[in-house]
C-alpha cells in the first residue's frame, strides 16, 4: 500500500511573520495538521453543520446573481480602494503634522510629540473598513456559488459554516496587531529627546523624525499584509467561480 505523502511545514502568513519580527516575538511553531486543528476549534454543533454541508446535496437555487467579468472587476476595485486608503491615509498624516507643528511651536521635542494612540485609532479604522468590505464580498460570491452547479453550491455552504466557525477566532487574533505595533513604536522612539528651539516661523511645517517615518512605513506594511490575509477566502471563492477568468483577486501590480 502506498504511503501517504509527507508534507513539510507550511510557513505562516506573511502578516504573521511581519508582526512577529516587528514585535520581536517568536514565530509560532508550525501548526498541527488541519484536521487536528479543526477538531480543537469546531464544537459539536458546528461539526454537524459542516458534515451536512459536505455530505448533503443542496437543492437547486432560484435565479439569482451570476458571476461575470464585472464582478471580478468590482473585487479588484474594492481591494484597490482599501489599499489606497492605507497608503494615502491623509487623516493620519494630518494628525501627525498637527502634533509636530504644535511641539515645534512650543519648543518641545518632536520625538515625543506623537503618541501611539494616533496610530492605533487609524489602524482600527482600517481594520473595520477591511472587515466590512471583505464580509460583503464574501457573502456576495457565496450567493453566486449557490446558483451554480451542485459542487459549487456545496462549496458555498461549506464556506458559510467555516466563516461562522473561524471568523471569531480570526478577529480575536487580528485584534492583537495594534499591541504588537505599539511595542515596536516604543522601541523605536528615543527614550530621551532634546527640546527644539521655538524659532521656526509658524508657516514652516515641522519635519517628521526619521524613526517616526520608519514606524509609519512599518505600520503601512502590516496593514497591507493584513489586507492580503483577509482577502484569502475571497481569492479562493473567485478561483472556484472563474478558474479561467480570474484565478485570484490580487491587487494589480
C-alpha atoms as a PDB file:
ATOM      1  CA  UNK A   1       0.000   0.000   0.000  1.00  0.00           C
ATOM      2  CA  UNK A   2       1.344   3.395  -0.943  1.00  0.00           C
ATOM      3  CA  UNK A   3       2.446   5.542   1.938  1.00  0.00           C
ATOM      4  CA  UNK A   4       0.760   8.920   2.330  1.00  0.00           C
ATOM      5  CA  UNK A   5       2.837  11.798   1.084  1.00  0.00           C
ATOM      6  CA  UNK A   6       4.585  13.708   3.837  1.00  0.00           C
ATOM      7  CA  UNK A   7       4.325  17.463   3.540  1.00  0.00           C
ATOM      8  CA  UNK A   8       6.803  19.809   5.137  1.00  0.00           C
ATOM      9  CA  UNK A   9       5.670  22.556   7.485  1.00  0.00           C
ATOM     10  CA  UNK A  10       3.821  25.363   5.779  1.00  0.00           C
ATOM     11  CA  UNK A  11       5.279  28.792   6.576  1.00  0.00           C
ATOM     12  CA  UNK A  12       2.952  31.150   8.366  1.00  0.00           C
ATOM     13  CA  UNK A  13       1.272  34.000   6.508  1.00  0.00           C
ATOM     14  CA  UNK A  14       3.444  37.000   5.651  1.00  0.00           C
ATOM     15  CA  UNK A  15       1.313  39.087   8.021  1.00  0.00           C
ATOM     16  CA  UNK A  16       2.147  36.824  10.971  1.00  0.00           C
ATOM     17  CA  UNK A  17       5.858  36.756  10.149  1.00  0.00           C
ATOM     18  CA  UNK A  18       5.960  40.540   9.783  1.00  0.00           C
ATOM     19  CA  UNK A  19       4.216  41.171  13.111  1.00  0.00           C
ATOM     20  CA  UNK A  20       6.471  38.658  14.837  1.00  0.00           C
ATOM     21  CA  UNK A  21       9.519  40.497  13.538  1.00  0.00           C
ATOM     22  CA  UNK A  22       8.226  43.968  14.414  1.00  0.00           C
ATOM     23  CA  UNK A  23       7.001  42.838  17.825  1.00  0.00           C
ATOM     24  CA  UNK A  24      10.204  40.870  18.439  1.00  0.00           C
ATOM     25  CA  UNK A  25       8.276  37.762  19.397  1.00  0.00           C
ATOM     26  CA  UNK A  26       8.958  34.199  18.369  1.00  0.00           C
ATOM     27  CA  UNK A  27       7.249  32.983  15.219  1.00  0.00           C
ATOM     28  CA  UNK A  28       4.669  30.358  16.247  1.00  0.00           C
ATOM     29  CA  UNK A  29       5.691  26.752  15.753  1.00  0.00           C
ATOM     30  CA  UNK A  30       4.267  25.001  12.681  1.00  0.00           C
ATOM     31  CA  UNK A  31       0.614  24.234  13.416  1.00  0.00           C
ATOM     32  CA  UNK A  32      -0.656  20.667  13.682  1.00  0.00           C
ATOM     33  CA  UNK A  33      -2.354  19.018  10.752  1.00  0.00           C
ATOM     34  CA  UNK A  34      -5.515  20.763   9.601  1.00  0.00           C
ATOM     35  CA  UNK A  35      -7.941  18.045  10.801  1.00  0.00           C
ATOM     36  CA  UNK A  36      -6.333  18.101  14.256  1.00  0.00           C
ATOM     37  CA  UNK A  37      -6.531  21.881  14.490  1.00  0.00           C
ATOM     38  CA  UNK A  38     -10.142  21.940  13.297  1.00  0.00           C
ATOM     39  CA  UNK A  39     -11.024  19.351  15.914  1.00  0.00           C
ATOM     40  CA  UNK A  40      -9.864  21.853  18.543  1.00  0.00           C
ATOM     41  CA  UNK A  41     -11.868  24.706  17.064  1.00  0.00           C
ATOM     42  CA  UNK A  42     -15.105  23.143  15.835  1.00  0.00           C
ATOM     43  CA  UNK A  43     -17.652  22.293  18.505  1.00  0.00           C
ATOM     44  CA  UNK A  44     -20.294  19.603  18.146  1.00  0.00           C
ATOM     45  CA  UNK A  45     -22.958  21.809  16.616  1.00  0.00           C
ATOM     46  CA  UNK A  46     -20.543  23.267  14.084  1.00  0.00           C
ATOM     47  CA  UNK A  47     -19.224  19.820  13.254  1.00  0.00           C
ATOM     48  CA  UNK A  48     -22.741  18.621  12.468  1.00  0.00           C
ATOM     49  CA  UNK A  49     -23.368  21.664  10.272  1.00  0.00           C
ATOM     50  CA  UNK A  50     -20.072  21.144   8.468  1.00  0.00           C
ATOM     51  CA  UNK A  51     -20.810  17.457   7.915  1.00  0.00           C
ATOM     52  CA  UNK A  52     -24.194  18.292   6.431  1.00  0.00           C
ATOM     53  CA  UNK A  53     -22.644  20.872   4.131  1.00  0.00           C
ATOM     54  CA  UNK A  54     -20.027  18.382   2.946  1.00  0.00           C
ATOM     55  CA  UNK A  55     -22.344  15.416   2.508  1.00  0.00           C
ATOM     56  CA  UNK A  56     -25.638  16.992   1.585  1.00  0.00           C
ATOM     57  CA  UNK A  57     -26.909  17.836  -1.844  1.00  0.00           C
ATOM     58  CA  UNK A  58     -28.109  21.445  -1.791  1.00  0.00           C
ATOM     59  CA  UNK A  59     -31.412  21.982  -3.596  1.00  0.00           C
ATOM     60  CA  UNK A  60     -31.318  23.871  -6.885  1.00  0.00           C
ATOM     61  CA  UNK A  61     -31.201  27.584  -6.189  1.00  0.00           C
ATOM     62  CA  UNK A  62     -33.645  30.006  -7.692  1.00  0.00           C
ATOM     63  CA  UNK A  63     -32.458  32.553 -10.189  1.00  0.00           C
ATOM     64  CA  UNK A  64     -30.045  34.971  -8.611  1.00  0.00           C
ATOM     65  CA  UNK A  65     -26.845  36.929  -9.199  1.00  0.00           C
ATOM     66  CA  UNK A  66     -24.493  35.442 -11.757  1.00  0.00           C
ATOM     67  CA  UNK A  67     -20.757  35.900 -11.828  1.00  0.00           C
ATOM     68  CA  UNK A  68     -19.135  37.703 -14.741  1.00  0.00           C
ATOM     69  CA  UNK A  69     -16.119  39.859 -15.513  1.00  0.00           C
ATOM     70  CA  UNK A  70     -17.816  42.885 -13.977  1.00  0.00           C
ATOM     71  CA  UNK A  71     -17.963  41.114 -10.614  1.00  0.00           C
ATOM     72  CA  UNK A  72     -14.255  40.317 -10.839  1.00  0.00           C
ATOM     73  CA  UNK A  73     -13.545  43.952 -11.674  1.00  0.00           C
ATOM     74  CA  UNK A  74     -15.584  45.031  -8.654  1.00  0.00           C
ATOM     75  CA  UNK A  75     -13.445  42.803  -6.455  1.00  0.00           C
ATOM     76  CA  UNK A  76     -10.284  44.415  -7.823  1.00  0.00           C
ATOM     77  CA  UNK A  77     -11.710  47.898  -7.390  1.00  0.00           C
ATOM     78  CA  UNK A  78     -12.724  47.425  -3.764  1.00  0.00           C
ATOM     79  CA  UNK A  79      -9.441  45.829  -2.829  1.00  0.00           C
ATOM     80  CA  UNK A  80      -7.512  48.592  -4.589  1.00  0.00           C
ATOM     81  CA  UNK A  81      -9.583  51.195  -2.742  1.00  0.00           C
ATOM     82  CA  UNK A  82      -8.704  49.647   0.615  1.00  0.00           C
ATOM     83  CA  UNK A  83      -5.017  49.528  -0.310  1.00  0.00           C
ATOM     84  CA  UNK A  84      -5.072  53.147  -1.475  1.00  0.00           C
ATOM     85  CA  UNK A  85      -6.733  54.240   1.765  1.00  0.00           C
ATOM     86  CA  UNK A  86      -3.903  52.577   3.677  1.00  0.00           C
ATOM     87  CA  UNK A  87      -1.116  54.038   1.540  1.00  0.00           C
ATOM     88  CA  UNK A  88      -2.620  57.526   1.383  1.00  0.00           C
ATOM     89  CA  UNK A  89      -4.014  57.946   4.884  1.00  0.00           C
ATOM     90  CA  UNK A  90      -4.426  61.704   4.867  1.00  0.00           C
ATOM     91  CA  UNK A  91      -6.224  61.709   8.202  1.00  0.00           C
ATOM     92  CA  UNK A  92      -3.240  60.054   9.868  1.00  0.00           C
ATOM     93  CA  UNK A  93      -0.775  62.366   8.130  1.00  0.00           C
ATOM     94  CA  UNK A  94      -2.748  65.439   9.203  1.00  0.00           C
ATOM     95  CA  UNK A  95      -2.991  64.281  12.821  1.00  0.00           C
ATOM     96  CA  UNK A  96       0.759  63.679  12.964  1.00  0.00           C
ATOM     97  CA  UNK A  97       1.579  67.027  11.382  1.00  0.00           C
ATOM     98  CA  UNK A  98      -0.660  68.935  13.794  1.00  0.00           C
ATOM     99  CA  UNK A  99       1.159  67.433  16.756  1.00  0.00           C
ATOM    100  CA  UNK A 100       4.598  68.039  15.263  1.00  0.00           C
ATOM    101  CA  UNK A 101       3.783  71.663  14.464  1.00  0.00           C
ATOM    102  CA  UNK A 102       2.439  72.208  17.980  1.00  0.00           C
ATOM    103  CA  UNK A 103       5.604  70.765  19.522  1.00  0.00           C
ATOM    104  CA  UNK A 104       7.813  72.864  17.248  1.00  0.00           C
ATOM    105  CA  UNK A 105       5.898  75.997  18.150  1.00  0.00           C
ATOM    106  CA  UNK A 106       6.258  75.269  21.862  1.00  0.00           C
ATOM    107  CA  UNK A 107       9.914  74.302  21.594  1.00  0.00           C
ATOM    108  CA  UNK A 108       9.318  70.767  22.877  1.00  0.00           C
ATOM    109  CA  UNK A 109      10.743  67.551  21.484  1.00  0.00           C
ATOM    110  CA  UNK A 110       9.423  66.375  18.127  1.00  0.00           C
ATOM    111  CA  UNK A 111      10.326  62.811  19.137  1.00  0.00           C
ATOM    112  CA  UNK A 112       7.741  62.936  21.905  1.00  0.00           C
ATOM    113  CA  UNK A 113       5.098  64.934  20.057  1.00  0.00           C
ATOM    114  CA  UNK A 114       3.154  61.964  18.681  1.00  0.00           C
ATOM    115  CA  UNK A 115       1.975  59.095  20.847  1.00  0.00           C
ATOM    116  CA  UNK A 116       0.825  55.691  19.672  1.00  0.00           C
ATOM    117  CA  UNK A 117      -2.855  56.452  20.234  1.00  0.00           C
ATOM    118  CA  UNK A 118      -2.904  58.339  16.925  1.00  0.00           C
ATOM    119  CA  UNK A 119      -1.708  55.254  15.074  1.00  0.00           C
ATOM    120  CA  UNK A 120      -3.947  52.866  16.993  1.00  0.00           C
ATOM    121  CA  UNK A 121      -7.029  54.859  16.063  1.00  0.00           C
ATOM    122  CA  UNK A 122      -6.184  54.726  12.367  1.00  0.00           C
ATOM    123  CA  UNK A 123      -5.195  51.050  12.451  1.00  0.00           C
ATOM    124  CA  UNK A 124      -8.538  50.122  13.990  1.00  0.00           C
ATOM    125  CA  UNK A 125     -10.366  52.267  11.421  1.00  0.00           C
ATOM    126  CA  UNK A 126      -8.644  50.416   8.576  1.00  0.00           C
ATOM    127  CA  UNK A 127      -9.444  47.077  10.201  1.00  0.00           C
ATOM    128  CA  UNK A 128     -13.129  47.993  10.381  1.00  0.00           C
ATOM    129  CA  UNK A 129     -13.123  49.013   6.727  1.00  0.00           C
ATOM    130  CA  UNK A 130     -11.440  45.762   5.679  1.00  0.00           C
ATOM    131  CA  UNK A 131     -13.838  43.664   7.742  1.00  0.00           C
ATOM    132  CA  UNK A 132     -16.902  45.364   6.279  1.00  0.00           C
ATOM    133  CA  UNK A 133     -15.719  45.157   2.671  1.00  0.00           C
ATOM    134  CA  UNK A 134     -14.482  41.575   2.761  1.00  0.00           C
ATOM    135  CA  UNK A 135     -17.606  40.409   4.566  1.00  0.00           C
ATOM    136  CA  UNK A 136     -19.863  41.846   1.879  1.00  0.00           C
ATOM    137  CA  UNK A 137     -17.715  40.495  -0.956  1.00  0.00           C
ATOM    138  CA  UNK A 138     -17.521  37.030   0.559  1.00  0.00           C
ATOM    139  CA  UNK A 139     -21.266  36.844   1.070  1.00  0.00           C
ATOM    140  CA  UNK A 140     -21.972  38.005  -2.476  1.00  0.00           C
ATOM    141  CA  UNK A 141     -19.571  35.486  -4.000  1.00  0.00           C
ATOM    142  CA  UNK A 142     -21.202  32.734  -1.941  1.00  0.00           C
ATOM    143  CA  UNK A 143     -24.590  33.742  -3.324  1.00  0.00           C
ATOM    144  CA  UNK A 144     -23.204  33.330  -6.822  1.00  0.00           C
ATOM    145  CA  UNK A 145     -21.698  29.953  -5.981  1.00  0.00           C
ATOM    146  CA  UNK A 146     -25.084  28.881  -4.675  1.00  0.00           C
ATOM    147  CA  UNK A 147     -26.614  29.494  -8.095  1.00  0.00           C
ATOM    148  CA  UNK A 148     -24.014  27.372  -9.855  1.00  0.00           C
ATOM    149  CA  UNK A 149     -23.572  23.610 -10.225  1.00  0.00           C
ATOM    150  CA  UNK A 150     -24.109  21.349  -7.232  1.00  0.00           C
ATOM    151  CA  UNK A 151     -20.406  21.200  -6.379  1.00  0.00           C
ATOM    152  CA  UNK A 152     -20.164  24.988  -6.216  1.00  0.00           C
ATOM    153  CA  UNK A 153     -23.362  25.245  -4.197  1.00  0.00           C
ATOM    154  CA  UNK A 154     -21.900  22.767  -1.726  1.00  0.00           C
ATOM    155  CA  UNK A 155     -18.728  24.853  -1.530  1.00  0.00           C
ATOM    156  CA  UNK A 156     -20.853  27.898  -0.688  1.00  0.00           C
ATOM    157  CA  UNK A 157     -22.444  26.038   2.215  1.00  0.00           C
ATOM    158  CA  UNK A 158     -19.082  24.816   3.477  1.00  0.00           C
ATOM    159  CA  UNK A 159     -17.627  28.321   3.299  1.00  0.00           C
ATOM    160  CA  UNK A 160     -20.577  29.747   5.230  1.00  0.00           C
ATOM    161  CA  UNK A 161     -20.058  27.222   8.023  1.00  0.00           C
ATOM    162  CA  UNK A 162     -16.306  27.787   8.080  1.00  0.00           C
ATOM    163  CA  UNK A 163     -16.727  31.555   8.228  1.00  0.00           C
ATOM    164  CA  UNK A 164     -19.150  31.403  11.141  1.00  0.00           C
ATOM    165  CA  UNK A 165     -16.834  28.952  12.916  1.00  0.00           C
ATOM    166  CA  UNK A 166     -13.452  30.558  12.324  1.00  0.00           C
ATOM    167  CA  UNK A 167     -14.251  34.256  11.991  1.00  0.00           C
ATOM    168  CA  UNK A 168     -14.483  34.924  15.765  1.00  0.00           C
ATOM    169  CA  UNK A 169     -11.041  33.388  16.266  1.00  0.00           C
ATOM    170  CA  UNK A 170      -9.650  35.332  13.340  1.00  0.00           C
ATOM    171  CA  UNK A 171     -10.972  38.642  14.660  1.00  0.00           C
ATOM    172  CA  UNK A 172      -9.563  37.940  18.120  1.00  0.00           C
ATOM    173  CA  UNK A 173      -6.149  37.198  16.624  1.00  0.00           C
ATOM    174  CA  UNK A 174      -6.164  40.274  14.386  1.00  0.00           C
ATOM    175  CA  UNK A 175      -7.176  42.472  17.317  1.00  0.00           C
ATOM    176  CA  UNK A 176      -3.746  41.773  18.841  1.00  0.00           C
ATOM    177  CA  UNK A 177      -1.920  43.511  15.983  1.00  0.00           C
ATOM    178  CA  UNK A 178      -2.045  47.058  17.423  1.00  0.00           C
ATOM    179  CA  UNK A 179      -0.493  45.911  20.704  1.00  0.00           C
ATOM    180  CA  UNK A 180       2.465  44.360  18.868  1.00  0.00           C
ATOM    181  CA  UNK A 181       2.878  47.501  16.801  1.00  0.00           C
ATOM    182  CA  UNK A 182       2.832  49.606  19.961  1.00  0.00           C
ATOM    183  CA  UNK A 183       5.790  47.627  21.295  1.00  0.00           C
ATOM    184  CA  UNK A 184       7.630  48.354  18.054  1.00  0.00           C
ATOM    185  CA  UNK A 185       6.704  52.052  18.329  1.00  0.00           C
ATOM    186  CA  UNK A 186       8.069  52.313  21.874  1.00  0.00           C
ATOM    187  CA  UNK A 187      11.326  50.593  20.918  1.00  0.00           C
ATOM    188  CA  UNK A 188      11.905  52.974  18.026  1.00  0.00           C
ATOM    189  CA  UNK A 189      11.082  56.176  19.919  1.00  0.00           C
ATOM    190  CA  UNK A 190      14.074  57.696  21.723  1.00  0.00           C
ATOM    191  CA  UNK A 191      13.798  57.338  25.486  1.00  0.00           C
ATOM    192  CA  UNK A 192      15.114  60.869  25.941  1.00  0.00           C
ATOM    193  CA  UNK A 193      14.940  63.651  23.431  1.00  0.00           C
ATOM    194  CA  UNK A 194      16.234  67.185  23.332  1.00  0.00           C
ATOM    195  CA  UNK A 195      13.861  70.093  23.053  1.00  0.00           C
ATOM    196  CA  UNK A 196      13.993  72.149  19.895  1.00  0.00           C
ATOM    197  CA  UNK A 197      14.207  75.943  19.885  1.00  0.00           C
ATOM    198  CA  UNK A 198      10.910  77.600  19.088  1.00  0.00           C
ATOM    199  CA  UNK A 199      12.483  79.759  16.407  1.00  0.00           C
ATOM    200  CA  UNK A 200      10.991  78.337  13.233  1.00  0.00           C
ATOM    201  CA  UNK A 201       8.445  80.560  11.504  1.00  0.00           C
ATOM    202  CA  UNK A 202       4.915  79.324  12.176  1.00  0.00           C
ATOM    203  CA  UNK A 203       4.381  78.798   8.438  1.00  0.00           C
ATOM    204  CA  UNK A 204       7.113  76.124   8.285  1.00  0.00           C
ATOM    205  CA  UNK A 205       5.866  72.563   8.727  1.00  0.00           C
ATOM    206  CA  UNK A 206       7.837  70.584  11.287  1.00  0.00           C
ATOM    207  CA  UNK A 207       9.707  67.624   9.841  1.00  0.00           C
ATOM    208  CA  UNK A 208       8.794  64.122  10.962  1.00  0.00           C
ATOM    209  CA  UNK A 209      11.648  62.417  12.846  1.00  0.00           C
ATOM    210  CA  UNK A 210      13.301  59.568  10.949  1.00  0.00           C
ATOM    211  CA  UNK A 211      12.249  56.929  13.481  1.00  0.00           C
ATOM    212  CA  UNK A 212       8.627  58.038  13.178  1.00  0.00           C
ATOM    213  CA  UNK A 213       8.796  57.764   9.392  1.00  0.00           C
ATOM    214  CA  UNK A 214      10.145  54.238   9.802  1.00  0.00           C
ATOM    215  CA  UNK A 215       7.311  53.277  12.109  1.00  0.00           C
ATOM    216  CA  UNK A 216       4.647  54.761   9.827  1.00  0.00           C
ATOM    217  CA  UNK A 217       6.051  52.730   6.932  1.00  0.00           C
ATOM    218  CA  UNK A 218       6.129  49.566   9.041  1.00  0.00           C
ATOM    219  CA  UNK A 219       2.510  50.039  10.101  1.00  0.00           C
ATOM    220  CA  UNK A 220       1.516  50.557   6.489  1.00  0.00           C
ATOM    221  CA  UNK A 221       3.245  47.307   5.541  1.00  0.00           C
ATOM    222  CA  UNK A 222       1.437  45.495   8.350  1.00  0.00           C
ATOM    223  CA  UNK A 223      -1.945  46.806   7.191  1.00  0.00           C
ATOM    224  CA  UNK A 224      -1.282  45.788   3.591  1.00  0.00           C
ATOM    225  CA  UNK A 225      -0.220  42.318   4.737  1.00  0.00           C
ATOM    226  CA  UNK A 226      -3.399  42.060   6.809  1.00  0.00           C
ATOM    227  CA  UNK A 227      -5.393  43.086   3.741  1.00  0.00           C
ATOM    228  CA  UNK A 228      -3.805  40.206   1.817  1.00  0.00           C
ATOM    229  CA  UNK A 229      -4.709  37.829   4.630  1.00  0.00           C
ATOM    230  CA  UNK A 230      -8.323  38.968   4.813  1.00  0.00           C
ATOM    231  CA  UNK A 231      -8.736  38.536   1.064  1.00  0.00           C
ATOM    232  CA  UNK A 232      -7.580  34.908   1.007  1.00  0.00           C
ATOM    233  CA  UNK A 233     -11.126  33.456   1.328  1.00  0.00           C
ATOM    234  CA  UNK A 234     -12.294  35.787  -1.431  1.00  0.00           C
ATOM    235  CA  UNK A 235      -9.413  34.662  -3.637  1.00  0.00           C
ATOM    236  CA  UNK A 236     -10.489  31.065  -3.088  1.00  0.00           C
ATOM    237  CA  UNK A 237     -14.149  31.708  -3.914  1.00  0.00           C
ATOM    238  CA  UNK A 238     -13.165  33.641  -7.020  1.00  0.00           C
ATOM    239  CA  UNK A 239     -10.914  30.814  -8.123  1.00  0.00           C
ATOM    240  CA  UNK A 240     -13.838  28.413  -7.810  1.00  0.00           C
ATOM    241  CA  UNK A 241     -16.111  30.718  -9.776  1.00  0.00           C
ATOM    242  CA  UNK A 242     -13.701  31.638 -12.535  1.00  0.00           C
ATOM    243  CA  UNK A 243     -10.672  29.343 -12.840  1.00  0.00           C
ATOM    244  CA  UNK A 244     -10.007  30.632 -16.334  1.00  0.00           C
ATOM    245  CA  UNK A 245     -11.173  34.229 -15.941  1.00  0.00           C
ATOM    246  CA  UNK A 246      -9.678  35.327 -12.624  1.00  0.00           C
ATOM    247  CA  UNK A 247      -7.538  32.967 -10.506  1.00  0.00           C
ATOM    248  CA  UNK A 248      -7.379  35.403  -7.615  1.00  0.00           C
ATOM    249  CA  UNK A 249      -8.432  38.852  -6.536  1.00  0.00           C
ATOM    250  CA  UNK A 250      -4.972  40.280  -6.061  1.00  0.00           C
ATOM    251  CA  UNK A 251      -4.129  43.917  -6.261  1.00  0.00           C
ATOM    252  CA  UNK A 252      -2.927  44.800  -9.749  1.00  0.00           C
ATOM    253  CA  UNK A 253       0.823  45.425  -9.817  1.00  0.00           C
END
